[in-house]
Amino acid sequence: MLQYLNMKKYEKHIKKYLKERRWDNLRPADLAKSISIEATELLEIFQWTNQSLKDVKKDKEKIKLVKKEHRMKGE
């Protein structure tokens, strides 16, 4: 039962994310492609670095880039 409740929580967050980006009408294959593209854009910010999560959290420039990327997609 607990696993079911956790899945419902994630499903709710995913549906909200999709709706914010107007992706809620996409087919699963198109959705998978879009998610992959979004992940790639974020990964590009961290390419060629071996910073730990602790260091990234202190890196104001990286945080700024991540926030900028998020705002661009959330508008």
PDB file of N, CA and C in Angstrom:
ATOM      1  N   MET A   1       0.823  -1.196   0.000  1.00  0.00           N
ATOM      2  CA  MET A   1       0.000   0.000   0.000  1.00  0.00           C
ATOM      3  C   MET A   1       0.872   1.267   0.000  1.00  0.00           C
ATOM      4  N   LEU A   2       1.955   1.236   0.773  1.00  0.00           N
ATOM      5  CA  LEU A   2       2.837   2.399   0.843  1.00  0.00           C
ATOM      6  C   LEU A   2       3.461   2.704  -0.513  1.00  0.00           C
ATOM      7  N   GLN A   3       3.874   1.663  -1.233  1.00  0.00           N
ATOM      8  CA  GLN A   3       4.446   1.876  -2.568  1.00  0.00           C
ATOM      9  C   GLN A   3       3.430   2.537  -3.487  1.00  0.00           C
ATOM     10  N   TYR A   4       2.174   2.119  -3.392  1.00  0.00           N
ATOM     11  CA  TYR A   4       1.113   2.689  -4.218  1.00  0.00           C
ATOM     12  C   TYR A   4       0.973   4.183  -3.922  1.00  0.00           C
ATOM     13  N   LEU A   5       0.990   4.551  -2.640  1.00  0.00           N
ATOM     14  CA  LEU A   5       0.859   5.959  -2.263  1.00  0.00           C
ATOM     15  C   LEU A   5       2.041   6.776  -2.767  1.00  0.00           C
ATOM     16  N   ASN A   6       3.239   6.218  -2.672  1.00  0.00           N
ATOM     17  CA  ASN A   6       4.413   6.917  -3.189  1.00  0.00           C
ATOM     18  C   ASN A   6       4.312   7.123  -4.697  1.00  0.00           C
ATOM     19  N   MET A   7       3.845   6.112  -5.411  1.00  0.00           N
ATOM     20  CA  MET A   7       3.700   6.235  -6.862  1.00  0.00           C
ATOM     21  C   MET A   7       2.672   7.304  -7.213  1.00  0.00           C
ATOM     22  N   LYS A   8       1.590   7.387  -6.458  1.00  0.00           N
ATOM     23  CA  LYS A   8       0.576   8.415  -6.704  1.00  0.00           C
ATOM     24  C   LYS A   8       1.165   9.809  -6.493  1.00  0.00           C
ATOM     25  N   LYS A   9       2.018   9.943  -5.489  1.00  0.00           N
ATOM     26  CA  LYS A   9       2.673  11.227  -5.223  1.00  0.00           C
ATOM     27  C   LYS A   9       3.553  11.619  -6.406  1.00  0.00           C
ATOM     28  N   TYR A  10       4.338  10.679  -6.902  1.00  0.00           N
ATOM     29  CA  TYR A  10       5.200  10.958  -8.053  1.00  0.00           C
ATOM     30  C   TYR A  10       4.375  11.245  -9.304  1.00  0.00           C
ATOM     31  N   GLU A  11       3.306  10.500  -9.467  1.00  0.00           N
ATOM     32  CA  GLU A  11       2.432  10.713 -10.624  1.00  0.00           C
ATOM     33  C   GLU A  11       1.874  12.137 -10.609  1.00  0.00           C
ATOM     34  N   LYS A  12       1.492  12.617  -9.442  1.00  0.00           N
ATOM     35  CA  LYS A  12       0.963  13.979  -9.306  1.00  0.00           C
ATOM     36  C   LYS A  12       2.023  15.013  -9.710  1.00  0.00           C
ATOM     37  N   HIS A  13       3.250  14.830  -9.243  1.00  0.00           N
ATOM     38  CA  HIS A  13       4.337  15.759  -9.588  1.00  0.00           C
ATOM     39  C   HIS A  13       4.638  15.717 -11.089  1.00  0.00           C
ATOM     40  N   ILE A  14       4.636  14.542 -11.650  1.00  0.00           N
ATOM     41  CA  ILE A  14       4.915  14.396 -13.083  1.00  0.00           C
ATOM     42  C   ILE A  14       3.833  15.072 -13.907  1.00  0.00           C
ATOM     43  N   LYS A  15       2.574  14.867 -13.539  1.00  0.00           N
ATOM     44  CA  LYS A  15       1.477  15.502 -14.281  1.00  0.00           C
ATOM     45  C   LYS A  15       1.570  17.021 -14.214  1.00  0.00           C
ATOM     46  N   LYS A  16       1.941  17.551 -13.054  1.00  0.00           N
ATOM     47  CA  LYS A  16       2.106  19.004 -12.902  1.00  0.00           C
ATOM     48  C   LYS A  16       3.235  19.505 -13.808  1.00  0.00           C
ATOM     49  N   TYR A  17       4.360  18.798 -13.801  1.00  0.00           N
ATOM     50  CA  TYR A  17       5.512  19.151 -14.632  1.00  0.00           C
ATOM     51  C   TYR A  17       5.121  19.168 -16.110  1.00  0.00           C
ATOM     52  N   LEU A  18       4.391  18.143 -16.535  1.00  0.00           N
ATOM     53  CA  LEU A  18       3.973  18.050 -17.934  1.00  0.00           C
ATOM     54  C   LEU A  18       3.025  19.184 -18.305  1.00  0.00           C
ATOM     55  N   LYS A  19       2.093  19.474 -17.433  1.00  0.00           N
ATOM     56  CA  LYS A  19       1.119  20.531 -17.716  1.00  0.00           C
ATOM     57  C   LYS A  19       1.801  21.895 -17.813  1.00  0.00           C
ATOM     58  N   GLU A  20       2.761  22.164 -16.911  1.00  0.00           N
ATOM     59  CA  GLU A  20       3.479  23.445 -16.932  1.00  0.00           C
ATOM     60  C   GLU A  20       4.200  23.668 -18.256  1.00  0.00           C
ATOM     61  N   ARG A  21       4.641  22.604 -18.882  1.00  0.00           N
ATOM     62  CA  ARG A  21       5.391  22.698 -20.135  1.00  0.00           C
ATOM     63  C   ARG A  21       4.525  22.429 -21.369  1.00  0.00           C
ATOM     64  N   ARG A  22       3.255  22.256 -21.138  1.00  0.00           N
ATOM     65  CA  ARG A  22       2.291  21.924 -22.199  1.00  0.00           C
ATOM     66  C   ARG A  22       2.679  20.628 -22.912  1.00  0.00           C
ATOM     67  N   TRP A  23       3.169  19.686 -22.133  1.00  0.00           N
ATOM     68  CA  TRP A  23       3.545  18.378 -22.669  1.00  0.00           C
ATOM     69  C   TRP A  23       2.494  17.327 -22.341  1.00  0.00           C
ATOM     70  N   ASP A  24       1.418  17.714 -21.680  1.00  0.00           N
ATOM     71  CA  ASP A  24       0.450  16.734 -21.193  1.00  0.00           C
ATOM     72  C   ASP A  24      -0.353  16.060 -22.306  1.00  0.00           C
ATOM     73  N   ASN A  25      -0.212  16.509 -23.535  1.00  0.00           N
ATOM     74  CA  ASN A  25      -0.921  15.871 -24.648  1.00  0.00           C
ATOM     75  C   ASN A  25       0.019  15.054 -25.546  1.00  0.00           C
ATOM     76  N   LEU A  26       1.276  14.901 -25.130  1.00  0.00           N
ATOM     77  CA  LEU A  26       2.253  14.183 -25.954  1.00  0.00           C
ATOM     78  C   LEU A  26       2.128  12.670 -25.809  1.00  0.00           C
ATOM     79  N   ARG A  27       2.503  11.981 -26.870  1.00  0.00           N
ATOM     80  CA  ARG A  27       2.557  10.515 -26.827  1.00  0.00           C
ATOM     81  C   ARG A  27       3.767  10.101 -25.993  1.00  0.00           C
ATOM     82  N   PRO A  28       3.744   8.906 -25.415  1.00  0.00           N
ATOM     83  CA  PRO A  28       4.869   8.458 -24.578  1.00  0.00           C
ATOM     84  C   PRO A  28       6.228   8.554 -25.276  1.00  0.00           C
ATOM     85  N   ALA A  29       6.317   8.210 -26.546  1.00  0.00           N
ATOM     86  CA  ALA A  29       7.606   8.281 -27.251  1.00  0.00           C
ATOM     87  C   ALA A  29       8.094   9.725 -27.345  1.00  0.00           C
ATOM     88  N   ASP A  30       7.190  10.649 -27.651  1.00  0.00           N
ATOM     89  CA  ASP A  30       7.568  12.063 -27.732  1.00  0.00           C
ATOM     90  C   ASP A  30       7.937  12.609 -26.358  1.00  0.00           C
ATOM     91  N   LEU A  31       7.216  12.170 -25.356  1.00  0.00           N
ATOM     92  CA  LEU A  31       7.503  12.577 -23.989  1.00  0.00           C
ATOM     93  C   LEU A  31       8.891  12.101 -23.564  1.00  0.00           C
ATOM     94  N   ALA A  32       9.215  10.864 -23.882  1.00  0.00           N
ATOM     95  CA  ALA A  32      10.538  10.319 -23.550  1.00  0.00           C
ATOM     96  C   ALA A  32      11.637  11.123 -24.244  1.00  0.00           C
ATOM     97  N   LYS A  33      11.414  11.499 -25.485  1.00  0.00           N
ATOM     98  CA  LYS A  33      12.398  12.313 -26.209  1.00  0.00           C
ATOM     99  C   LYS A  33      12.570  13.677 -25.543  1.00  0.00           C
ATOM    100  N   SER A  34      11.457  14.302 -25.178  1.00  0.00           N
ATOM    101  CA  SER A  34      11.511  15.625 -24.553  1.00  0.00           C
ATOM    102  C   SER A  34      12.231  15.581 -23.214  1.00  0.00           C
ATOM    103  N   ILE A  35      11.962  14.551 -22.424  1.00  0.00           N
ATOM    104  CA  ILE A  35      12.635  14.408 -21.136  1.00  0.00           C
ATOM    105  C   ILE A  35      14.132  14.230 -21.343  1.00  0.00           C
ATOM    106  N   SER A  36      14.499  13.451 -22.334  1.00  0.00           N
ATOM    107  CA  SER A  36      15.914  13.227 -22.629  1.00  0.00           C
ATOM    108  C   SER A  36      16.606  14.530 -23.034  1.00  0.00           C
ATOM    109  N   ILE A  37      15.946  15.327 -23.836  1.00  0.00           N
ATOM    110  CA  ILE A  37      16.506  16.611 -24.273  1.00  0.00           C
ATOM    111  C   ILE A  37      16.686  17.543 -23.076  1.00  0.00           C
ATOM    112  N   GLU A  38      15.676  17.609 -22.203  1.00  0.00           N
ATOM    113  CA  GLU A  38      15.772  18.456 -21.012  1.00  0.00           C
ATOM    114  C   GLU A  38      16.935  18.015 -20.127  1.00  0.00           C
ATOM    115  N   ALA A  39      17.069  16.715 -19.926  1.00  0.00           N
ATOM    116  CA  ALA A  39      18.157  16.188 -19.094  1.00  0.00           C
ATOM    117  C   ALA A  39      19.508  16.537 -19.706  1.00  0.00           C
ATOM    118  N   THR A  40      19.603  16.453 -21.017  1.00  0.00           N
ATOM    119  CA  THR A  40      20.851  16.778 -21.705  1.00  0.00           C
ATOM    120  C   THR A  40      21.221  18.242 -21.504  1.00  0.00           C
ATOM    121  N   GLU A  41      20.236  19.119 -21.561  1.00  0.00           N
ATOM    122  CA  GLU A  41      20.506  20.541 -21.365  1.00  0.00           C
ATOM    123  C   GLU A  41      21.039  20.809 -19.957  1.00  0.00           C
ATOM    124  N   LEU A  42      20.507  20.118 -18.967  1.00  0.00           N
ATOM    125  CA  LEU A  42      21.025  20.275 -17.609  1.00  0.00           C
ATOM    126  C   LEU A  42      22.408  19.652 -17.463  1.00  0.00           C
ATOM    127  N   LEU A  43      22.590  18.480 -18.055  1.00  0.00           N
ATOM    128  CA  LEU A  43      23.894  17.818 -17.974  1.00  0.00           C
ATOM    129  C   LEU A  43      24.998  18.655 -18.603  1.00  0.00           C
ATOM    130  N   GLU A  44      24.654  19.399 -19.638  1.00  0.00           N
ATOM    131  CA  GLU A  44      25.641  20.239 -20.311  1.00  0.00           C
ATOM    132  C   GLU A  44      26.257  21.258 -19.345  1.00  0.00           C
ATOM    133  N   ILE A  45      25.467  21.724 -18.390  1.00  0.00           N
ATOM    134  CA  ILE A  45      25.960  22.690 -17.402  1.00  0.00           C
ATOM    135  C   ILE A  45      27.082  22.077 -16.565  1.00  0.00           C
ATOM    136  N   PHE A  46      26.993  20.774 -16.330  1.00  0.00           N
ATOM    137  CA  PHE A  46      27.957  20.098 -15.459  1.00  0.00           C
ATOM    138  C   PHE A  46      29.010  19.306 -16.225  1.00  0.00           C
ATOM    139  N   GLN A  47      28.996  19.445 -17.537  1.00  0.00           N
ATOM    140  CA  GLN A  47      29.966  18.719 -18.354  1.00  0.00           C
ATOM    141  C   GLN A  47      31.386  19.170 -18.014  1.00  0.00           C
ATOM    142  N   TRP A  48      32.296  18.235 -18.019  1.00  0.00           N
ATOM    143  CA  TRP A  48      33.726  18.461 -17.794  1.00  0.00           C
ATOM    144  C   TRP A  48      34.037  18.983 -16.395  1.00  0.00           C
ATOM    145  N   THR A  49      33.261  18.574 -15.429  1.00  0.00           N
ATOM    146  CA  THR A  49      33.549  18.939 -14.048  1.00  0.00           C
ATOM    147  C   THR A  49      33.436  17.700 -13.173  1.00  0.00           C
ATOM    148  N   ASN A  50      34.176  17.685 -12.114  1.00  0.00           N
ATOM    149  CA  ASN A  50      34.066  16.576 -11.174  1.00  0.00           C
ATOM    150  C   ASN A  50      33.677  17.096  -9.797  1.00  0.00           C
ATOM    151  N   GLN A  51      32.949  18.197  -9.779  1.00  0.00           N
ATOM    152  CA  GLN A  51      32.511  18.793  -8.523  1.00  0.00           C
ATOM    153  C   GLN A  51      31.591  17.832  -7.768  1.00  0.00           C
ATOM    154  N   SER A  52      31.721  17.846  -6.461  1.00  0.00           N
ATOM    155  CA  SER A  52      30.789  17.085  -5.632  1.00  0.00           C
ATOM    156  C   SER A  52      29.493  17.890  -5.519  1.00  0.00           C
ATOM    157  N   LEU A  53      28.440  17.251  -5.069  1.00  0.00           N
ATOM    158  CA  LEU A  53      27.168  17.950  -4.891  1.00  0.00           C
ATOM    159  C   LEU A  53      27.343  19.125  -3.932  1.00  0.00           C
ATOM    160  N   LYS A  54      28.127  18.921  -2.905  1.00  0.00           N
ATOM    161  CA  LYS A  54      28.395  19.977  -1.925  1.00  0.00           C
ATOM    162  C   LYS A  54      29.043  21.186  -2.606  1.00  0.00           C
ATOM    163  N   ASP A  55      30.003  20.929  -3.491  1.00  0.00           N
ATOM    164  CA  ASP A  55      30.677  22.012  -4.212  1.00  0.00           C
ATOM    165  C   ASP A  55      29.743  22.697  -5.208  1.00  0.00           C
ATOM    166  N   VAL A  56      28.917  21.914  -5.864  1.00  0.00           N
ATOM    167  CA  VAL A  56      27.970  22.485  -6.829  1.00  0.00           C
ATOM    168  C   VAL A  56      27.009  23.432  -6.119  1.00  0.00           C
ATOM    169  N   LYS A  57      26.554  23.048  -4.945  1.00  0.00           N
ATOM    170  CA  LYS A  57      25.627  23.897  -4.189  1.00  0.00           C
ATOM    171  C   LYS A  57      26.253  25.239  -3.824  1.00  0.00           C
ATOM    172  N   LYS A  58      27.576  25.286  -3.738  1.00  0.00           N
ATOM    173  CA  LYS A  58      28.292  26.525  -3.421  1.00  0.00           C
ATOM    174  C   LYS A  58      28.665  27.317  -4.675  1.00  0.00           C
ATOM    175  N   ASP A  59      28.539  26.707  -5.835  1.00  0.00           N
ATOM    176  CA  ASP A  59      28.944  27.316  -7.101  1.00  0.00           C
ATOM    177  C   ASP A  59      27.808  28.201  -7.620  1.00  0.00           C
ATOM    178  N   LYS A  60      27.902  29.482  -7.334  1.00  0.00           N
ATOM    179  CA  LYS A  60      26.820  30.412  -7.674  1.00  0.00           C
ATOM    180  C   LYS A  60      26.552  30.478  -9.174  1.00  0.00           C
ATOM    181  N   GLU A  61      27.590  30.362  -9.969  1.00  0.00           N
ATOM    182  CA  GLU A  61      27.418  30.420 -11.425  1.00  0.00           C
ATOM    183  C   GLU A  61      26.618  29.220 -11.929  1.00  0.00           C
ATOM    184  N   LYS A  62      26.933  28.038 -11.422  1.00  0.00           N
ATOM    185  CA  LYS A  62      26.197  26.840 -11.847  1.00  0.00           C
ATOM    186  C   LYS A  62      24.738  26.909 -11.394  1.00  0.00           C
ATOM    187  N   ILE A  63      24.528  27.362 -10.167  1.00  0.00           N
ATOM    188  CA  ILE A  63      23.165  27.500  -9.645  1.00  0.00           C
ATOM    189  C   ILE A  63      22.384  28.486 -10.515  1.00  0.00           C
ATOM    190  N   LYS A  64      23.024  29.563 -10.899  1.00  0.00           N
ATOM    191  CA  LYS A  64      22.395  30.572 -11.760  1.00  0.00           C
ATOM    192  C   LYS A  64      22.000  29.957 -13.109  1.00  0.00           C
ATOM    193  N   LEU A  65      22.887  29.159 -13.686  1.00  0.00           N
ATOM    194  CA  LEU A  65      22.600  28.518 -14.975  1.00  0.00           C
ATOM    195  C   LEU A  65      21.441  27.524 -14.869  1.00  0.00           C
ATOM    196  N   VAL A  66      21.416  26.753 -13.786  1.00  0.00           N
ATOM    197  CA  VAL A  66      20.328  25.783 -13.591  1.00  0.00           C
ATOM    198  C   VAL A  66      19.001  26.516 -13.425  1.00  0.00           C
ATOM    199  N   LYS A  67      18.997  27.575 -12.629  1.00  0.00           N
ATOM    200  CA  LYS A  67      17.766  28.347 -12.431  1.00  0.00           C
ATOM    201  C   LYS A  67      17.304  28.976 -13.740  1.00  0.00           C
ATOM    202  N   LYS A  68      18.243  29.483 -14.526  1.00  0.00           N
ATOM    203  CA  LYS A  68      17.901  30.081 -15.820  1.00  0.00           C
ATOM    204  C   LYS A  68      17.276  29.033 -16.734  1.00  0.00           C
ATOM    205  N   GLU A  69      17.858  27.850 -16.783  1.00  0.00           N
ATOM    206  CA  GLU A  69      17.327  26.770 -17.614  1.00  0.00           C
ATOM    207  C   GLU A  69      15.925  26.383 -17.157  1.00  0.00           C
ATOM    208  N   HIS A  70      15.731  26.302 -15.863  1.00  0.00           N
ATOM    209  CA  HIS A  70      14.422  25.929 -15.325  1.00  0.00           C
ATOM    210  C   HIS A  70      13.379  26.993 -15.658  1.00  0.00           C
ATOM    211  N   ARG A  71      13.731  28.261 -15.491  1.00  0.00           N
ATOM    212  CA  ARG A  71      12.783  29.343 -15.790  1.00  0.00           C
ATOM    213  C   ARG A  71      12.402  29.350 -17.261  1.00  0.00           C
ATOM    214  N   MET A  72      13.371  29.112 -18.125  1.00  0.00           N
ATOM    215  CA  MET A  72      13.092  29.124 -19.560  1.00  0.00           C
ATOM    216  C   MET A  72      12.045  28.076 -19.907  1.00  0.00           C
ATOM    217  N   LYS A  73      12.112  26.919 -19.279  1.00  0.00           N
ATOM    218  CA  LYS A  73      11.187  25.840 -19.602  1.00  0.00           C
ATOM    219  C   LYS A  73       9.857  26.010 -18.893  1.00  0.00           C
ATOM    220  N   GLY A  74       9.862  26.690 -17.758  1.00  0.00           N
ATOM    221  CA  GLY A  74       8.644  26.817 -16.970  1.00  0.00           C
ATOM    222  C   GLY A  74       7.754  27.968 -17.388  1.00  0.00           C
ATOM    223  N   GLU A  75       8.227  28.798 -18.300  1.00  0.00           N
ATOM    224  CA  GLU A  75       7.437  29.969 -18.710  1.00  0.00           C
ATOM    225  C   GLU A  75       6.316  29.581 -19.643  1.00  0.00           C
TER     226      GLU A  75
END
